[in-house]
Amino acid sequence: MTIVSEPVLMDHVDIHSDNFGDDSFLRSGLKLNHLRIIVAIEDSGQISAAAEVLNISQPAASRMLSEMEAITKTSLYERVARGVVLTTFGAALARRARKILLELREASREIGELKSGKGGSVFIGAVTAPAMSLVVPAINRVRKAYPGIEINIQVETSNVLARELLAARHDFIIGRIPDDLNPRLFEVKEIGIERACLIVRNRHPLLKRKKTSSLSDVRDYDWVFQPPGTLLRRTIEDIFLSRGVALPENIVNTSSLLLTCAIVCETDAIAPVAVDVAHFLASQGAKASDVRMLPIDFDINVKPYSLITARERALPPSAKLLYDIILEESRTQGG
C-alpha cells in the first residue's frame, strides 16, 4: 500500500470560523502539529498513542496540548481512567482541525496529479473477503475504462482500517465499524455478508470421514486463528460457547493469510477463513492449493460488511468512481 503523508505546507494555520471568531489563534501561534495532535487525541483517547502517531515523545505531546490550551484560553481535554477525553471545546477544535488536515492532503494530491498528468489516485482499505470478491473485479473494470488511475489498497482488519480512514489515509474502506469508535463519525452502506468456513490440508484425517464434522470433532485439533478480538475469531468463539463446546486449546494466532496456509498445509491444524478466500486458495496451482474446505454441520456467518466513508468528507472523483463500481459489483453479486 502507498500512503501519502500529510503535507507540511505552512508553519501556522488559520481556523477562522463562526465558532472561533477572528484570526487570534493564528497570531497566537497555532501550528499544524497542534491540529494533528488534537485529532490524534480524539482518535486514540490517549496522549501516548497520539504522540506515537506524530512520532514525538509523550512529554512533547503534553507540552503541545498545554500550548493549545494557552492559545485557546480554555481546557481542551480531561483525564479519565483509561486515558483522556476531549472537552466540548476540544471536540469542536478537533472537528475543524480534521477538515483542515484533509483539505491539505487533498491539495497535495491534486497538485501531484496535475504535475504528473495521471488520472488520479485512490486510497482504500478492505477486509479480506470483499477485497477479493468485490475490489479485484472492480479494479479490473476501472483499469480498462480509466488506465491512468493509481489505486492503493490496504488489506487489514476493520479495527485498523477504521482508524486509518479517520486519519484521512483512506478515501473509503470496506469493513465494519469497531465497537470502540463513535459510529456518528462514519457514513455506512451495507453491501454484503461474509460467510466463513474451515480449511484443512488435503490429506487431513477429518476429510477421510464420510460425514460432516461437528464442533466436537474439530475442537481437539490445533487451530490457526486471527488475533484475539478480531471479528472472525469472536464469531468462531461464540459458536463454540453457544453450543456448550469447550474452546480449542492449541492455538497459533496470526493475521497473516500466507502463514496460516503454510501451517495448515504442513500440519493437521484447522483455520477459519472467508469462503471466497478458501475457493481462491483451492484453485491455485501452488502449495496453497493443498488446502480444502472441511465439510461441517454448522454455519459460520460473520457480521455484514459495508462501504464506509468518513462523515462530511466528500470523495475525490477518482475515489467516487471506484466506490460506485464496487457498490454496483456488490449488487450484481448479491442479486
C-alpha atoms as a PDB file:
ATOM      1  CA  MET A   1       0.000   0.000   0.000  1.00  0.00           C
ATOM      2  CA  THR A   2       1.151   3.509  -0.770  1.00  0.00           C
ATOM      3  CA  ILE A   3       0.291   6.102   1.856  1.00  0.00           C
ATOM      4  CA  VAL A   4       0.686   9.806   1.158  1.00  0.00           C
ATOM      5  CA  SER A   5       1.770  11.599   4.307  1.00  0.00           C
ATOM      6  CA  GLU A   6       0.059  14.819   5.314  1.00  0.00           C
ATOM      7  CA  PRO A   7       1.971  17.686   3.685  1.00  0.00           C
ATOM      8  CA  VAL A   8       3.577  20.376   5.788  1.00  0.00           C
ATOM      9  CA  LEU A   9       2.520  23.326   3.668  1.00  0.00           C
ATOM     10  CA  MET A  10       2.733  26.025   6.337  1.00  0.00           C
ATOM     11  CA  ASP A  11       4.002  26.653   9.818  1.00  0.00           C
ATOM     12  CA  HIS A  12       0.757  28.218  11.040  1.00  0.00           C
ATOM     13  CA  VAL A  13      -2.874  27.770  10.031  1.00  0.00           C
ATOM     14  CA  ASP A  14      -5.987  29.869  10.471  1.00  0.00           C
ATOM     15  CA  ILE A  15      -9.036  28.036  11.747  1.00  0.00           C
ATOM     16  CA  HIS A  16     -11.288  31.072  11.279  1.00  0.00           C
ATOM     17  CA  SER A  17     -14.962  30.150  11.648  1.00  0.00           C
ATOM     18  CA  ASP A  18     -18.121  31.299  13.337  1.00  0.00           C
ATOM     19  CA  ASN A  19     -17.056  29.278  16.353  1.00  0.00           C
ATOM     20  CA  PHE A  20     -13.656  30.873  16.758  1.00  0.00           C
ATOM     21  CA  GLY A  21     -14.290  34.424  15.577  1.00  0.00           C
ATOM     22  CA  ASP A  22     -11.167  36.121  14.233  1.00  0.00           C
ATOM     23  CA  ASP A  23      -7.596  35.108  13.415  1.00  0.00           C
ATOM     24  CA  SER A  24      -6.371  35.337  17.013  1.00  0.00           C
ATOM     25  CA  PHE A  25      -5.383  31.641  17.043  1.00  0.00           C
ATOM     26  CA  LEU A  26      -3.135  32.194  14.051  1.00  0.00           C
ATOM     27  CA  ARG A  27      -1.500  35.238  15.597  1.00  0.00           C
ATOM     28  CA  SER A  28      -1.124  33.423  18.907  1.00  0.00           C
ATOM     29  CA  GLY A  29       0.976  30.693  17.336  1.00  0.00           C
ATOM     30  CA  LEU A  30      -1.358  27.792  16.471  1.00  0.00           C
ATOM     31  CA  LYS A  31       0.619  25.358  14.320  1.00  0.00           C
ATOM     32  CA  LEU A  32      -0.137  22.454  12.027  1.00  0.00           C
ATOM     33  CA  ASN A  33       1.196  19.934  14.547  1.00  0.00           C
ATOM     34  CA  HIS A  34      -1.218  21.332  17.120  1.00  0.00           C
ATOM     35  CA  LEU A  35      -4.059  20.318  14.821  1.00  0.00           C
ATOM     36  CA  ARG A  36      -2.513  16.907  14.276  1.00  0.00           C
ATOM     37  CA  ILE A  37      -2.201  16.208  17.997  1.00  0.00           C
ATOM     38  CA  ILE A  38      -5.793  17.198  18.841  1.00  0.00           C
ATOM     39  CA  VAL A  39      -7.104  14.926  16.070  1.00  0.00           C
ATOM     40  CA  ALA A  40      -4.865  12.085  17.243  1.00  0.00           C
ATOM     41  CA  ILE A  41      -6.104  12.570  20.824  1.00  0.00           C
ATOM     42  CA  GLU A  42      -9.718  12.317  19.668  1.00  0.00           C
ATOM     43  CA  ASP A  43      -8.978   9.143  17.679  1.00  0.00           C
ATOM     44  CA  SER A  44      -6.952   7.320  20.329  1.00  0.00           C
ATOM     45  CA  GLY A  45      -8.083   8.726  23.667  1.00  0.00           C
ATOM     46  CA  GLN A  46      -4.502   8.523  24.929  1.00  0.00           C
ATOM     47  CA  ILE A  47      -1.666  11.044  24.914  1.00  0.00           C
ATOM     48  CA  SER A  48       0.942   8.302  24.470  1.00  0.00           C
ATOM     49  CA  ALA A  49      -0.824   6.907  21.402  1.00  0.00           C
ATOM     50  CA  ALA A  50      -1.249  10.379  19.923  1.00  0.00           C
ATOM     51  CA  ALA A  51       2.460  11.054  20.480  1.00  0.00           C
ATOM     52  CA  GLU A  52       3.286   7.840  18.640  1.00  0.00           C
ATOM     53  CA  VAL A  53       1.173   8.947  15.649  1.00  0.00           C
ATOM     54  CA  LEU A  54       3.176  12.171  15.418  1.00  0.00           C
ATOM     55  CA  ASN A  55       6.470  10.358  16.156  1.00  0.00           C
ATOM     56  CA  ILE A  56       7.197  12.552  19.166  1.00  0.00           C
ATOM     57  CA  SER A  57       7.710  11.868  22.858  1.00  0.00           C
ATOM     58  CA  GLN A  58       4.818  11.856  25.319  1.00  0.00           C
ATOM     59  CA  PRO A  59       6.214  14.906  27.193  1.00  0.00           C
ATOM     60  CA  ALA A  60       6.383  16.765  23.889  1.00  0.00           C
ATOM     61  CA  ALA A  61       2.754  15.871  23.183  1.00  0.00           C
ATOM     62  CA  SER A  62       1.684  17.052  26.626  1.00  0.00           C
ATOM     63  CA  ARG A  63       3.582  20.287  26.073  1.00  0.00           C
ATOM     64  CA  MET A  64       1.782  20.850  22.760  1.00  0.00           C
ATOM     65  CA  LEU A  65      -1.590  20.349  24.452  1.00  0.00           C
ATOM     66  CA  SER A  66      -0.626  22.904  27.093  1.00  0.00           C
ATOM     67  CA  GLU A  67       0.342  25.341  24.334  1.00  0.00           C
ATOM     68  CA  MET A  68      -3.036  24.858  22.673  1.00  0.00           C
ATOM     69  CA  GLU A  69      -4.892  25.474  25.910  1.00  0.00           C
ATOM     70  CA  ALA A  70      -2.898  28.676  26.401  1.00  0.00           C
ATOM     71  CA  ILE A  71      -3.743  29.783  22.856  1.00  0.00           C
ATOM     72  CA  THR A  72      -7.454  28.950  23.120  1.00  0.00           C
ATOM     73  CA  LYS A  73      -7.682  30.057  26.759  1.00  0.00           C
ATOM     74  CA  THR A  74      -9.815  27.034  27.625  1.00  0.00           C
ATOM     75  CA  SER A  75      -9.487  23.406  28.727  1.00  0.00           C
ATOM     76  CA  LEU A  76      -9.361  21.065  25.744  1.00  0.00           C
ATOM     77  CA  TYR A  77      -9.200  17.671  27.446  1.00  0.00           C
ATOM     78  CA  GLU A  78      -9.816  15.866  30.714  1.00  0.00           C
ATOM     79  CA  ARG A  79      -8.046  12.876  32.201  1.00  0.00           C
ATOM     80  CA  VAL A  80     -10.165   9.746  32.720  1.00  0.00           C
ATOM     81  CA  ALA A  81      -9.419   6.239  33.994  1.00  0.00           C
ATOM     82  CA  ARG A  82      -8.142   4.875  30.681  1.00  0.00           C
ATOM     83  CA  GLY A  83      -6.611   7.986  29.158  1.00  0.00           C
ATOM     84  CA  VAL A  84      -8.055  11.346  28.172  1.00  0.00           C
ATOM     85  CA  VAL A  85     -11.278  12.640  26.642  1.00  0.00           C
ATOM     86  CA  LEU A  86     -11.795  15.909  24.802  1.00  0.00           C
ATOM     87  CA  THR A  87     -13.974  18.598  26.322  1.00  0.00           C
ATOM     88  CA  THR A  88     -16.717  20.228  24.264  1.00  0.00           C
ATOM     89  CA  PHE A  89     -14.178  22.883  23.245  1.00  0.00           C
ATOM     90  CA  GLY A  90     -11.562  20.281  22.376  1.00  0.00           C
ATOM     91  CA  ALA A  91     -14.038  18.279  20.281  1.00  0.00           C
ATOM     92  CA  ALA A  92     -15.028  21.416  18.364  1.00  0.00           C
ATOM     93  CA  LEU A  93     -11.387  22.204  17.638  1.00  0.00           C
ATOM     94  CA  ALA A  94     -10.676  18.595  16.610  1.00  0.00           C
ATOM     95  CA  ARG A  95     -13.605  18.622  14.200  1.00  0.00           C
ATOM     96  CA  ARG A  96     -12.304  21.730  12.454  1.00  0.00           C
ATOM     97  CA  ALA A  97      -8.719  20.502  12.568  1.00  0.00           C
ATOM     98  CA  ARG A  98      -9.665  17.228  10.872  1.00  0.00           C
ATOM     99  CA  LYS A  99     -11.216  19.118   7.966  1.00  0.00           C
ATOM    100  CA  ILE A 100      -8.182  21.373   7.597  1.00  0.00           C
ATOM    101  CA  LEU A 101      -5.759  18.442   7.549  1.00  0.00           C
ATOM    102  CA  LEU A 102      -7.901  16.645   4.990  1.00  0.00           C
ATOM    103  CA  GLU A 103      -8.019  19.700   2.742  1.00  0.00           C
ATOM    104  CA  LEU A 104      -4.233  19.970   2.878  1.00  0.00           C
ATOM    105  CA  ARG A 105      -3.911  16.302   1.992  1.00  0.00           C
ATOM    106  CA  GLU A 106      -6.296  16.703  -0.937  1.00  0.00           C
ATOM    107  CA  ALA A 107      -4.445  19.822  -2.103  1.00  0.00           C
ATOM    108  CA  SER A 108      -1.198  17.851  -2.131  1.00  0.00           C
ATOM    109  CA  ARG A 109      -2.848  15.030  -4.055  1.00  0.00           C
ATOM    110  CA  GLU A 110      -4.424  17.365  -6.615  1.00  0.00           C
ATOM    111  CA  ILE A 111      -1.199  19.264  -7.248  1.00  0.00           C
ATOM    112  CA  GLY A 112       0.722  15.996  -7.560  1.00  0.00           C
ATOM    113  CA  GLU A 113      -1.756  14.646 -10.083  1.00  0.00           C
ATOM    114  CA  LEU A 114      -1.643  17.851 -12.113  1.00  0.00           C
ATOM    115  CA  LYS A 115       2.149  17.676 -12.209  1.00  0.00           C
ATOM    116  CA  SER A 116       2.276  14.018 -13.211  1.00  0.00           C
ATOM    117  CA  GLY A 117      -0.594  14.099 -15.671  1.00  0.00           C
ATOM    118  CA  LYS A 118      -2.088  10.956 -14.120  1.00  0.00           C
ATOM    119  CA  GLY A 119      -5.803  10.280 -13.936  1.00  0.00           C
ATOM    120  CA  GLY A 120      -5.953  10.445 -10.168  1.00  0.00           C
ATOM    121  CA  SER A 121      -5.203   8.177  -7.237  1.00  0.00           C
ATOM    122  CA  VAL A 122      -7.442   6.252  -4.851  1.00  0.00           C
ATOM    123  CA  PHE A 123      -6.632   5.054  -1.333  1.00  0.00           C
ATOM    124  CA  ILE A 124      -8.873   2.302   0.005  1.00  0.00           C
ATOM    125  CA  GLY A 125      -8.822  -0.397   2.668  1.00  0.00           C
ATOM    126  CA  ALA A 126     -10.756  -3.655   2.856  1.00  0.00           C
ATOM    127  CA  VAL A 127     -11.105  -6.773   4.927  1.00  0.00           C
ATOM    128  CA  THR A 128     -10.025  -9.892   3.060  1.00  0.00           C
ATOM    129  CA  ALA A 129     -13.277 -11.356   1.720  1.00  0.00           C
ATOM    130  CA  PRO A 130     -14.664  -8.288  -0.093  1.00  0.00           C
ATOM    131  CA  ALA A 131     -11.149  -7.324  -1.162  1.00  0.00           C
ATOM    132  CA  MET A 132     -11.099 -10.493  -3.242  1.00  0.00           C
ATOM    133  CA  SER A 133     -14.742 -10.752  -4.279  1.00  0.00           C
ATOM    134  CA  LEU A 134     -15.516  -7.062  -4.896  1.00  0.00           C
ATOM    135  CA  VAL A 135     -12.399  -4.902  -5.062  1.00  0.00           C
ATOM    136  CA  VAL A 136     -10.461  -7.074  -7.526  1.00  0.00           C
ATOM    137  CA  PRO A 137     -13.218  -7.198 -10.189  1.00  0.00           C
ATOM    138  CA  ALA A 138     -13.964  -3.501  -9.627  1.00  0.00           C
ATOM    139  CA  ILE A 139     -10.307  -2.630 -10.181  1.00  0.00           C
ATOM    140  CA  ASN A 140     -10.305  -4.609 -13.420  1.00  0.00           C
ATOM    141  CA  ARG A 141     -13.250  -2.556 -14.657  1.00  0.00           C
ATOM    142  CA  VAL A 142     -11.688   0.746 -13.617  1.00  0.00           C
ATOM    143  CA  ARG A 143      -8.343  -0.101 -15.213  1.00  0.00           C
ATOM    144  CA  LYS A 144      -9.965  -0.832 -18.560  1.00  0.00           C
ATOM    145  CA  ALA A 145     -12.008   2.356 -18.621  1.00  0.00           C
ATOM    146  CA  TYR A 146      -9.516   4.694 -16.910  1.00  0.00           C
ATOM    147  CA  PRO A 147      -5.976   3.269 -17.231  1.00  0.00           C
ATOM    148  CA  GLY A 148      -4.355   6.350 -15.671  1.00  0.00           C
ATOM    149  CA  ILE A 149      -5.846   5.860 -12.207  1.00  0.00           C
ATOM    150  CA  GLU A 150      -3.446   4.730  -9.466  1.00  0.00           C
ATOM    151  CA  ILE A 151      -5.106   2.512  -6.838  1.00  0.00           C
ATOM    152  CA  ASN A 152      -3.608   1.921  -3.393  1.00  0.00           C
ATOM    153  CA  ILE A 153      -5.068  -0.908  -1.289  1.00  0.00           C
ATOM    154  CA  GLN A 154      -4.562  -1.984   2.319  1.00  0.00           C
ATOM    155  CA  VAL A 155      -5.999  -5.343   3.385  1.00  0.00           C
ATOM    156  CA  GLU A 156      -6.374  -5.392   7.158  1.00  0.00           C
ATOM    157  CA  THR A 157      -8.830  -5.861   9.997  1.00  0.00           C
ATOM    158  CA  SER A 158     -11.682  -3.397  10.470  1.00  0.00           C
ATOM    159  CA  ASN A 159     -10.077  -2.117  13.688  1.00  0.00           C
ATOM    160  CA  VAL A 160      -7.040  -0.919  11.756  1.00  0.00           C
ATOM    161  CA  LEU A 161      -8.896   0.264   8.658  1.00  0.00           C
ATOM    162  CA  ALA A 162     -11.439   2.418  10.503  1.00  0.00           C
ATOM    163  CA  ARG A 163      -8.676   4.318  12.263  1.00  0.00           C
ATOM    164  CA  GLU A 164      -6.771   4.768   9.015  1.00  0.00           C
ATOM    165  CA  LEU A 165      -9.955   6.200   7.489  1.00  0.00           C
ATOM    166  CA  LEU A 166     -10.390   8.680  10.346  1.00  0.00           C
ATOM    167  CA  ALA A 167      -6.756   9.681   9.940  1.00  0.00           C
ATOM    168  CA  ALA A 168      -7.562  10.505   6.279  1.00  0.00           C
ATOM    169  CA  ARG A 169      -5.197   7.842   4.972  1.00  0.00           C
ATOM    170  CA  HIS A 170      -8.023   6.182   3.027  1.00  0.00           C
ATOM    171  CA  ASP A 171     -10.783   7.608   0.861  1.00  0.00           C
ATOM    172  CA  PHE A 172     -13.110   4.809   1.906  1.00  0.00           C
ATOM    173  CA  ILE A 173     -12.950   1.315   3.365  1.00  0.00           C
ATOM    174  CA  ILE A 174     -14.895  -1.938   3.175  1.00  0.00           C
ATOM    175  CA  GLY A 175     -15.341  -3.462   6.598  1.00  0.00           C
ATOM    176  CA  ARG A 176     -17.162  -2.845   9.870  1.00  0.00           C
ATOM    177  CA  ILE A 177     -17.149  -0.024  12.398  1.00  0.00           C
ATOM    178  CA  PRO A 178     -15.281  -1.187  15.527  1.00  0.00           C
ATOM    179  CA  ASP A 179     -17.295  -1.206  18.742  1.00  0.00           C
ATOM    180  CA  ASP A 180     -14.953   1.275  20.417  1.00  0.00           C
ATOM    181  CA  LEU A 181     -15.361   4.022  17.787  1.00  0.00           C
ATOM    182  CA  ASN A 182     -18.215   6.514  17.554  1.00  0.00           C
ATOM    183  CA  PRO A 183     -20.471   5.399  14.658  1.00  0.00           C
ATOM    184  CA  ARG A 184     -21.503   9.023  14.091  1.00  0.00           C
ATOM    185  CA  LEU A 185     -18.068   9.633  12.590  1.00  0.00           C
ATOM    186  CA  PHE A 186     -18.927   7.476   9.583  1.00  0.00           C
ATOM    187  CA  GLU A 187     -21.328   7.094   6.643  1.00  0.00           C
ATOM    188  CA  VAL A 188     -22.168   3.404   6.153  1.00  0.00           C
ATOM    189  CA  LYS A 189     -23.735   1.479   3.272  1.00  0.00           C
ATOM    190  CA  GLU A 190     -24.111  -2.265   3.946  1.00  0.00           C
ATOM    191  CA  ILE A 191     -23.177  -4.322   0.890  1.00  0.00           C
ATOM    192  CA  GLY A 192     -22.690  -7.952   1.900  1.00  0.00           C
ATOM    193  CA  ILE A 193     -22.494 -10.740   4.432  1.00  0.00           C
ATOM    194  CA  GLU A 194     -19.249 -12.609   4.857  1.00  0.00           C
ATOM    195  CA  ARG A 195     -19.554 -16.380   5.023  1.00  0.00           C
ATOM    196  CA  ALA A 196     -16.641 -18.259   6.500  1.00  0.00           C
ATOM    197  CA  CYS A 197     -15.535 -21.890   6.538  1.00  0.00           C
ATOM    198  CA  LEU A 198     -12.825 -24.108   7.974  1.00  0.00           C
ATOM    199  CA  ILE A 199      -9.821 -25.135   5.892  1.00  0.00           C
ATOM    200  CA  VAL A 200      -7.522 -28.120   6.359  1.00  0.00           C
ATOM    201  CA  ARG A 201      -4.804 -29.802   4.311  1.00  0.00           C
ATOM    202  CA  ASN A 202      -5.733 -32.164   1.511  1.00  0.00           C
ATOM    203  CA  ARG A 203      -4.985 -35.374   3.474  1.00  0.00           C
ATOM    204  CA  HIS A 204      -6.402 -34.277   6.790  1.00  0.00           C
ATOM    205  CA  PRO A 205      -7.846 -37.128   8.917  1.00  0.00           C
ATOM    206  CA  LEU A 206     -11.258 -35.444   9.097  1.00  0.00           C
ATOM    207  CA  LEU A 207     -11.590 -35.489   5.307  1.00  0.00           C
ATOM    208  CA  LYS A 208     -11.466 -39.299   5.354  1.00  0.00           C
ATOM    209  CA  ARG A 209     -14.733 -39.439   7.289  1.00  0.00           C
ATOM    210  CA  LYS A 210     -17.983 -39.993   5.407  1.00  0.00           C
ATOM    211  CA  LYS A 211     -19.912 -37.427   7.460  1.00  0.00           C
ATOM    212  CA  THR A 212     -19.651 -33.748   8.147  1.00  0.00           C
ATOM    213  CA  SER A 213     -17.588 -32.694  11.131  1.00  0.00           C
ATOM    214  CA  SER A 214     -19.147 -31.241  14.271  1.00  0.00           C
ATOM    215  CA  LEU A 215     -17.682 -28.765  16.750  1.00  0.00           C
ATOM    216  CA  SER A 216     -16.740 -31.678  18.999  1.00  0.00           C
ATOM    217  CA  ASP A 217     -14.889 -33.319  16.113  1.00  0.00           C
ATOM    218  CA  VAL A 218     -12.761 -30.256  15.327  1.00  0.00           C
ATOM    219  CA  ARG A 219     -12.226 -28.954  18.844  1.00  0.00           C
ATOM    220  CA  ASP A 220      -9.176 -31.073  19.813  1.00  0.00           C
ATOM    221  CA  TYR A 221      -7.083 -30.279  16.729  1.00  0.00           C
ATOM    222  CA  ASP A 222      -4.571 -27.449  16.531  1.00  0.00           C
ATOM    223  CA  TRP A 223      -6.097 -24.184  15.312  1.00  0.00           C
ATOM    224  CA  VAL A 224      -4.759 -21.139  13.479  1.00  0.00           C
ATOM    225  CA  PHE A 225      -6.776 -18.068  14.479  1.00  0.00           C
ATOM    226  CA  GLN A 226      -6.714 -14.387  13.718  1.00  0.00           C
ATOM    227  CA  PRO A 227      -5.555 -12.358  16.756  1.00  0.00           C
ATOM    228  CA  PRO A 228      -7.878 -12.169  19.782  1.00  0.00           C
ATOM    229  CA  GLY A 229     -10.652  -9.614  19.422  1.00  0.00           C
ATOM    230  CA  THR A 230     -10.910  -9.789  15.630  1.00  0.00           C
ATOM    231  CA  LEU A 231     -14.387 -10.374  14.248  1.00  0.00           C
ATOM    232  CA  LEU A 232     -13.900 -13.817  12.684  1.00  0.00           C
ATOM    233  CA  ARG A 233     -12.138 -15.010  15.841  1.00  0.00           C
ATOM    234  CA  ARG A 234     -15.017 -13.799  18.033  1.00  0.00           C
ATOM    235  CA  THR A 235     -17.558 -15.372  15.685  1.00  0.00           C
ATOM    236  CA  ILE A 236     -15.930 -18.806  15.969  1.00  0.00           C
ATOM    237  CA  GLU A 237     -15.603 -18.481  19.739  1.00  0.00           C
ATOM    238  CA  ASP A 238     -19.273 -17.516  20.037  1.00  0.00           C
ATOM    239  CA  ILE A 239     -20.281 -20.625  18.055  1.00  0.00           C
ATOM    240  CA  PHE A 240     -18.345 -22.863  20.432  1.00  0.00           C
ATOM    241  CA  LEU A 241     -19.729 -21.150  23.530  1.00  0.00           C
ATOM    242  CA  SER A 242     -23.343 -21.080  22.310  1.00  0.00           C
ATOM    243  CA  ARG A 243     -23.275 -24.838  21.758  1.00  0.00           C
ATOM    244  CA  GLY A 244     -21.619 -25.637  25.064  1.00  0.00           C
ATOM    245  CA  VAL A 245     -18.404 -26.946  23.483  1.00  0.00           C
ATOM    246  CA  ALA A 246     -15.092 -26.024  25.110  1.00  0.00           C
ATOM    247  CA  LEU A 247     -12.906 -23.674  23.107  1.00  0.00           C
ATOM    248  CA  PRO A 248      -9.828 -25.108  21.348  1.00  0.00           C
ATOM    249  CA  GLU A 249      -6.697 -25.017  23.499  1.00  0.00           C
ATOM    250  CA  ASN A 250      -3.857 -25.461  20.988  1.00  0.00           C
ATOM    251  CA  ILE A 251      -3.847 -22.174  19.111  1.00  0.00           C
ATOM    252  CA  VAL A 252      -1.500 -20.176  16.892  1.00  0.00           C
ATOM    253  CA  ASN A 253      -2.512 -16.521  16.449  1.00  0.00           C
ATOM    254  CA  THR A 254      -1.595 -14.697  13.250  1.00  0.00           C
ATOM    255  CA  SER A 255      -3.130 -12.108  10.954  1.00  0.00           C
ATOM    256  CA  SER A 256      -1.077 -13.417   8.025  1.00  0.00           C
ATOM    257  CA  LEU A 257      -3.049 -15.452   5.498  1.00  0.00           C
ATOM    258  CA  LEU A 258       0.198 -16.705   3.977  1.00  0.00           C
ATOM    259  CA  LEU A 259       1.436 -18.053   7.320  1.00  0.00           C
ATOM    260  CA  THR A 260      -1.998 -19.545   8.019  1.00  0.00           C
ATOM    261  CA  CYS A 261      -1.839 -21.503   4.762  1.00  0.00           C
ATOM    262  CA  ALA A 262       1.707 -22.643   5.455  1.00  0.00           C
ATOM    263  CA  ILE A 263       0.755 -24.041   8.872  1.00  0.00           C
ATOM    264  CA  VAL A 264      -2.409 -25.710   7.566  1.00  0.00           C
ATOM    265  CA  CYS A 265      -0.591 -27.335   4.646  1.00  0.00           C
ATOM    266  CA  GLU A 266       2.184 -28.752   6.849  1.00  0.00           C
ATOM    267  CA  THR A 267       0.138 -29.926   9.859  1.00  0.00           C
ATOM    268  CA  ASP A 268      -3.318 -31.163  10.863  1.00  0.00           C
ATOM    269  CA  ALA A 269      -4.254 -27.679  12.032  1.00  0.00           C
ATOM    270  CA  ILE A 270      -7.644 -26.144  11.231  1.00  0.00           C
ATOM    271  CA  ALA A 271      -8.184 -22.496  10.309  1.00  0.00           C
ATOM    272  CA  PRO A 272     -11.289 -20.359   9.746  1.00  0.00           C
ATOM    273  CA  VAL A 273     -11.192 -18.164   6.639  1.00  0.00           C
ATOM    274  CA  ALA A 274     -13.716 -16.442   4.402  1.00  0.00           C
ATOM    275  CA  VAL A 275     -15.366 -18.748   1.859  1.00  0.00           C
ATOM    276  CA  ASP A 276     -14.148 -16.533  -1.013  1.00  0.00           C
ATOM    277  CA  VAL A 277     -10.590 -16.927   0.254  1.00  0.00           C
ATOM    278  CA  ALA A 278     -10.939 -20.705   0.565  1.00  0.00           C
ATOM    279  CA  HIS A 279     -12.216 -21.029  -3.012  1.00  0.00           C
ATOM    280  CA  PHE A 280      -9.338 -18.915  -4.285  1.00  0.00           C
ATOM    281  CA  LEU A 281      -6.705 -20.907  -2.401  1.00  0.00           C
ATOM    282  CA  ALA A 282      -8.068 -24.255  -3.533  1.00  0.00           C
ATOM    283  CA  SER A 283      -7.995 -23.135  -7.168  1.00  0.00           C
ATOM    284  CA  GLN A 284      -4.329 -22.102  -7.282  1.00  0.00           C
ATOM    285  CA  GLY A 285      -1.684 -24.299  -8.858  1.00  0.00           C
ATOM    286  CA  ALA A 286       0.730 -23.927  -5.957  1.00  0.00           C
ATOM    287  CA  LYS A 287       1.301 -25.299  -2.486  1.00  0.00           C
ATOM    288  CA  ALA A 288      -1.653 -23.256  -1.218  1.00  0.00           C
ATOM    289  CA  SER A 289      -3.944 -25.384  -3.405  1.00  0.00           C
ATOM    290  CA  ASP A 290      -3.330 -28.223  -0.939  1.00  0.00           C
ATOM    291  CA  VAL A 291      -5.973 -26.695   1.341  1.00  0.00           C
ATOM    292  CA  ARG A 292      -9.537 -27.976   1.328  1.00  0.00           C
ATOM    293  CA  MET A 293     -12.801 -26.736   2.782  1.00  0.00           C
ATOM    294  CA  LEU A 294     -13.781 -29.023   5.623  1.00  0.00           C
ATOM    295  CA  PRO A 295     -17.435 -30.136   5.470  1.00  0.00           C
ATOM    296  CA  ILE A 296     -19.058 -29.068   8.766  1.00  0.00           C
ATOM    297  CA  ASP A 297     -22.560 -29.322  10.232  1.00  0.00           C
ATOM    298  CA  PHE A 298     -22.751 -25.670  11.342  1.00  0.00           C
ATOM    299  CA  ASP A 299     -22.713 -22.308   9.568  1.00  0.00           C
ATOM    300  CA  ILE A 300     -20.165 -19.546  10.127  1.00  0.00           C
ATOM    301  CA  ASN A 301     -21.790 -16.248   9.204  1.00  0.00           C
ATOM    302  CA  VAL A 302     -19.820 -13.147  10.087  1.00  0.00           C
ATOM    303  CA  LYS A 303     -21.315  -9.713  10.721  1.00  0.00           C
ATOM    304  CA  PRO A 304     -22.210  -7.882   7.449  1.00  0.00           C
ATOM    305  CA  TYR A 305     -19.586  -5.615   5.942  1.00  0.00           C
ATOM    306  CA  SER A 306     -20.174  -2.155   4.477  1.00  0.00           C
ATOM    307  CA  LEU A 307     -18.761   0.568   2.312  1.00  0.00           C
ATOM    308  CA  ILE A 308     -17.653   3.148   4.862  1.00  0.00           C
ATOM    309  CA  THR A 309     -16.656   6.765   4.388  1.00  0.00           C
ATOM    310  CA  ALA A 310     -15.864   9.488   6.896  1.00  0.00           C
ATOM    311  CA  ARG A 311     -18.865  11.709   7.630  1.00  0.00           C
ATOM    312  CA  GLU A 312     -18.839  15.125   5.938  1.00  0.00           C
ATOM    313  CA  ARG A 313     -15.864  14.160   3.766  1.00  0.00           C
ATOM    314  CA  ALA A 314     -16.519  14.267   0.023  1.00  0.00           C
ATOM    315  CA  LEU A 315     -14.865  11.618  -2.123  1.00  0.00           C
ATOM    316  CA  PRO A 316     -12.475  12.824  -4.838  1.00  0.00           C
ATOM    317  CA  PRO A 317     -13.714  11.988  -8.374  1.00  0.00           C
ATOM    318  CA  SER A 318     -11.376   9.007  -8.854  1.00  0.00           C
ATOM    319  CA  ALA A 319     -12.349   7.537  -5.474  1.00  0.00           C
ATOM    320  CA  LYS A 320     -16.062   8.137  -6.137  1.00  0.00           C
ATOM    321  CA  LEU A 321     -15.689   6.243  -9.408  1.00  0.00           C
ATOM    322  CA  LEU A 322     -14.230   3.169  -7.720  1.00  0.00           C
ATOM    323  CA  TYR A 323     -16.731   3.439  -4.849  1.00  0.00           C
ATOM    324  CA  ASP A 324     -19.668   3.381  -7.291  1.00  0.00           C
ATOM    325  CA  ILE A 325     -18.261   0.438  -9.235  1.00  0.00           C
ATOM    326  CA  ILE A 326     -17.722  -1.585  -6.045  1.00  0.00           C
ATOM    327  CA  LEU A 327     -21.290  -0.782  -4.993  1.00  0.00           C
ATOM    328  CA  GLU A 328     -22.586  -1.897  -8.398  1.00  0.00           C
ATOM    329  CA  GLU A 329     -20.480  -5.066  -8.211  1.00  0.00           C
ATOM    330  CA  SER A 330     -21.930  -5.887  -4.782  1.00  0.00           C
ATOM    331  CA  ARG A 331     -25.479  -5.513  -6.099  1.00  0.00           C
ATOM    332  CA  THR A 332     -24.700  -7.705  -9.103  1.00  0.00           C
ATOM    333  CA  GLN A 333     -23.228 -10.459  -6.959  1.00  0.00           C
ATOM    334  CA  GLY A 334     -25.979 -10.178  -4.359  1.00  0.00           C
ATOM    335  CA  GLY A 335     -28.741 -10.263  -6.913  1.00  0.00           C
END
